[in-house]
Amino acid sequence: MRIVRILLKGAPVTTPTVQGAHLLHDLLWAHATPGDGVQHIVIRPVPHGMEATFFLTGASDEAALGHIRELLLRARGPIATHGLTV
């Protein structure tokens, strides 16, 4: 099991919400593929953005990071429509 944590930044005037965290959670799952190896995603609001923690299978840390990069590239447009950047 590998753990990858990322920060999705929001506009400085943006106040992240729990509802926004739930939306981001669903959005990331909608773009995940079985090949990504994602087992669990935890999203929490932090000042000026959202923190995403991924628990996933992977042969190495580098492979896990690569899978998350690919997932975030696939989801980049929808994430941006909600005021967040990767």
C-alpha atoms as a PDB file:
ATOM      1  CA  MET A   1       0.000   0.000   0.000  1.00  0.00           C
ATOM      2  CA  ARG A   2       1.345   3.412  -1.004  1.00  0.00           C
ATOM      3  CA  ILE A   3       0.178   6.804   0.245  1.00  0.00           C
ATOM      4  CA  VAL A   4       0.323   9.952  -1.865  1.00  0.00           C
ATOM      5  CA  ARG A   5      -0.780  13.325  -0.505  1.00  0.00           C
ATOM      6  CA  ILE A   6      -1.318  16.370  -2.714  1.00  0.00           C
ATOM      7  CA  LEU A   7      -2.580  19.906  -2.296  1.00  0.00           C
ATOM      8  CA  LEU A   8      -5.094  21.343  -4.732  1.00  0.00           C
ATOM      9  CA  LYS A   9      -4.857  25.124  -4.474  1.00  0.00           C
ATOM     10  CA  GLY A  10      -7.847  27.425  -4.610  1.00  0.00           C
ATOM     11  CA  ALA A  11      -8.120  31.146  -5.159  1.00  0.00           C
ATOM     12  CA  PRO A  12      -6.980  33.196  -2.145  1.00  0.00           C
ATOM     13  CA  VAL A  13     -10.563  34.337  -1.539  1.00  0.00           C
ATOM     14  CA  THR A  14     -11.900  30.781  -1.687  1.00  0.00           C
ATOM     15  CA  THR A  15     -13.046  29.196   1.559  1.00  0.00           C
ATOM     16  CA  PRO A  16     -13.028  25.407   1.117  1.00  0.00           C
ATOM     17  CA  THR A  17     -16.068  23.546   2.401  1.00  0.00           C
ATOM     18  CA  VAL A  18     -16.883  20.012   3.441  1.00  0.00           C
ATOM     19  CA  GLN A  19     -19.391  19.882   0.575  1.00  0.00           C
ATOM     20  CA  GLY A  20     -16.601  20.853  -1.815  1.00  0.00           C
ATOM     21  CA  ALA A  21     -14.474  18.047  -0.383  1.00  0.00           C
ATOM     22  CA  HIS A  22     -17.254  15.533  -1.071  1.00  0.00           C
ATOM     23  CA  LEU A  23     -17.604  16.840  -4.623  1.00  0.00           C
ATOM     24  CA  LEU A  24     -13.858  16.573  -5.251  1.00  0.00           C
ATOM     25  CA  HIS A  25     -13.852  13.049  -3.812  1.00  0.00           C
ATOM     26  CA  ASP A  26     -16.552  11.958  -6.263  1.00  0.00           C
ATOM     27  CA  LEU A  27     -14.858  13.770  -9.148  1.00  0.00           C
ATOM     28  CA  LEU A  28     -11.552  11.983  -8.546  1.00  0.00           C
ATOM     29  CA  TRP A  29     -13.250   8.586  -8.308  1.00  0.00           C
ATOM     30  CA  ALA A  30     -15.108   9.307 -11.550  1.00  0.00           C
ATOM     31  CA  HIS A  31     -11.768   9.795 -13.337  1.00  0.00           C
ATOM     32  CA  ALA A  32      -9.884   6.935 -11.668  1.00  0.00           C
ATOM     33  CA  THR A  33      -9.321   3.756 -13.639  1.00  0.00           C
ATOM     34  CA  PRO A  34      -8.589   0.269 -12.295  1.00  0.00           C
ATOM     35  CA  GLY A  35      -5.029   0.633 -13.580  1.00  0.00           C
ATOM     36  CA  ASP A  36      -4.437   3.560 -11.201  1.00  0.00           C
ATOM     37  CA  GLY A  37      -4.557   1.166  -8.257  1.00  0.00           C
ATOM     38  CA  VAL A  38      -6.509   3.613  -6.083  1.00  0.00           C
ATOM     39  CA  GLN A  39      -8.032   1.890  -3.059  1.00  0.00           C
ATOM     40  CA  HIS A  40      -9.198   4.862  -0.999  1.00  0.00           C
ATOM     41  CA  ILE A  41      -9.295   8.673  -1.281  1.00  0.00           C
ATOM     42  CA  VAL A  42      -9.576  11.108   1.624  1.00  0.00           C
ATOM     43  CA  ILE A  43     -10.251  14.786   0.906  1.00  0.00           C
ATOM     44  CA  ARG A  44     -10.188  17.531   3.497  1.00  0.00           C
ATOM     45  CA  PRO A  45     -10.520  21.281   3.207  1.00  0.00           C
ATOM     46  CA  VAL A  46      -7.429  23.264   4.158  1.00  0.00           C
ATOM     47  CA  PRO A  47      -6.868  27.031   3.994  1.00  0.00           C
ATOM     48  CA  HIS A  48      -7.038  28.080   0.325  1.00  0.00           C
ATOM     49  CA  GLY A  49      -7.557  24.622  -1.115  1.00  0.00           C
ATOM     50  CA  MET A  50      -8.105  20.926  -0.583  1.00  0.00           C
ATOM     51  CA  GLU A  51      -5.753  18.201   0.550  1.00  0.00           C
ATOM     52  CA  ALA A  52      -6.178  14.858  -1.192  1.00  0.00           C
ATOM     53  CA  THR A  53      -4.665  11.712   0.276  1.00  0.00           C
ATOM     54  CA  PHE A  54      -4.628   8.637  -1.953  1.00  0.00           C
ATOM     55  CA  PHE A  55      -4.093   5.093  -0.728  1.00  0.00           C
ATOM     56  CA  LEU A  56      -3.138   2.883  -3.636  1.00  0.00           C
ATOM     57  CA  THR A  57      -1.346  -0.225  -4.705  1.00  0.00           C
ATOM     58  CA  GLY A  58       1.875   0.181  -6.591  1.00  0.00           C
ATOM     59  CA  ALA A  59       5.093  -1.657  -7.266  1.00  0.00           C
ATOM     60  CA  SER A  60       7.091   1.357  -6.049  1.00  0.00           C
ATOM     61  CA  ASP A  61       6.685   4.899  -4.787  1.00  0.00           C
ATOM     62  CA  GLU A  62       7.576   6.170  -8.261  1.00  0.00           C
ATOM     63  CA  ALA A  63       4.883   4.012  -9.876  1.00  0.00           C
ATOM     64  CA  ALA A  64       2.286   5.238  -7.373  1.00  0.00           C
ATOM     65  CA  LEU A  65       3.219   8.865  -8.049  1.00  0.00           C
ATOM     66  CA  GLY A  66       2.982   8.223 -11.778  1.00  0.00           C
ATOM     67  CA  HIS A  67      -0.525   6.818 -11.432  1.00  0.00           C
ATOM     68  CA  ILE A  68      -1.663   9.821  -9.406  1.00  0.00           C
ATOM     69  CA  ARG A  69      -0.106  12.219 -11.947  1.00  0.00           C
ATOM     70  CA  GLU A  70      -2.056  10.497 -14.729  1.00  0.00           C
ATOM     71  CA  LEU A  71      -5.279  10.604 -12.712  1.00  0.00           C
ATOM     72  CA  LEU A  72      -4.834  14.310 -11.996  1.00  0.00           C
ATOM     73  CA  LEU A  73      -4.131  15.035 -15.667  1.00  0.00           C
ATOM     74  CA  ARG A  74      -7.384  13.297 -16.625  1.00  0.00           C
ATOM     75  CA  ALA A  75      -9.307  15.239 -13.972  1.00  0.00           C
ATOM     76  CA  ARG A  76      -7.532  18.588 -14.408  1.00  0.00           C
ATOM     77  CA  GLY A  77     -10.314  20.271 -16.430  1.00  0.00           C
ATOM     78  CA  PRO A  78     -13.170  19.320 -14.101  1.00  0.00           C
ATOM     79  CA  ILE A  79     -11.038  20.205 -11.062  1.00  0.00           C
ATOM     80  CA  ALA A  80     -10.381  23.653 -12.573  1.00  0.00           C
ATOM     81  CA  THR A  81     -14.108  24.275 -13.096  1.00  0.00           C
ATOM     82  CA  HIS A  82     -14.418  24.102  -9.301  1.00  0.00           C
ATOM     83  CA  GLY A  83     -11.748  26.740  -8.758  1.00  0.00           C
ATOM     84  CA  LEU A  84      -8.856  24.429  -7.875  1.00  0.00           C
ATOM     85  CA  THR A  85      -5.492  23.866  -9.492  1.00  0.00           C
ATOM     86  CA  VAL A  86      -3.224  20.845  -9.248  1.00  0.00           C
END
